């Protein structure tokens, strides 16, 4: 739902955005639990919460261009098993906003992972099972690498997604480069303007490309598309992809964390990785299996695209349940 008001007061516009979108989203996310807001670190985080308060905490992280509704069918399965499930909007999505207008709109991996630790601290969650796909998988893996004491178990679609800036400077074979076309588009000012003006159609196209066998309907897409109206969405997305290509800098306060990640740290927490059709030749997980040195399993889902929790919620939910009991 897009609200356009001709007024110069940005604070008022932000309040209108939050009120309108919170009401619309809350009416649609009953399967995810109750929509709440909490100040955590640099953000006021929008998130849903469901399940018994004494259950094992589970944090589910979405990717781009998706949102918490990827877990519409996953959350009820986990709640039925007694889990206490949280689904936060990442920075730049949904009702998550920055506490200060002066904060740099940073999309680098260490910043997003730090958000999750701040979120856990704000909710007094000492340790949780964390799962995700796309940006959410990367954020989950980075969190497990940097703060393993906070992660009881990890589920990561597409495996070990830690960004290595030096490696990213090296060209890939043409077919692989074609798959990252939008990164090069975002590297240009034309791309930034194009994404800003055509966010709805652009992200719908990404859904279709990333999950060609998933016949989602307009209502399903529109439920998530509301999240892209976040006032910081474009800035976060553009910075994320430009940072990955070393076209824009991150923030110095994350330098030490990024140095640790550049060393390609092993993941020692119990982990289940998932490969799907989206991963192509890497679906078997062999390319990154040695990075997971704790209890570990890899699963392959055929006929499933990138949005695994929404395309195959039973398999994703089962991975969360199983990693919690991985022996």
Foldseek 3Di string as FASTA:
>chain_A
DDDDDPDDDVVVVLVVLLVVLQVVLQVPQVLQAGWDWDDFPQKTKTKHKDADPPAAEEEEEEAPPFAQCLQSPQSNVVRVVGYIYMYIGFPQWGNMYGPDPPDQLAQALLVRLSRVVRVCVRVVQQAHAYEYFHSRLSSQLLNLQVPVRRYQEYEHEPPHDQQALVVLQDDDPPVVVVVVVLLVLLLDPNSLVVCVVPVLVVRVVVVCVQQVLDPDDPVSSVSGVSTNPRPCNSVNVSNHSCVSNVNDDGDPVCVVSVVSVNVLAARAHQYEYAAEVSNPPCRVVPVCPVSHDHQYYYYYDYSGGRSCCNRPVVVVSVRSVCSSVRD
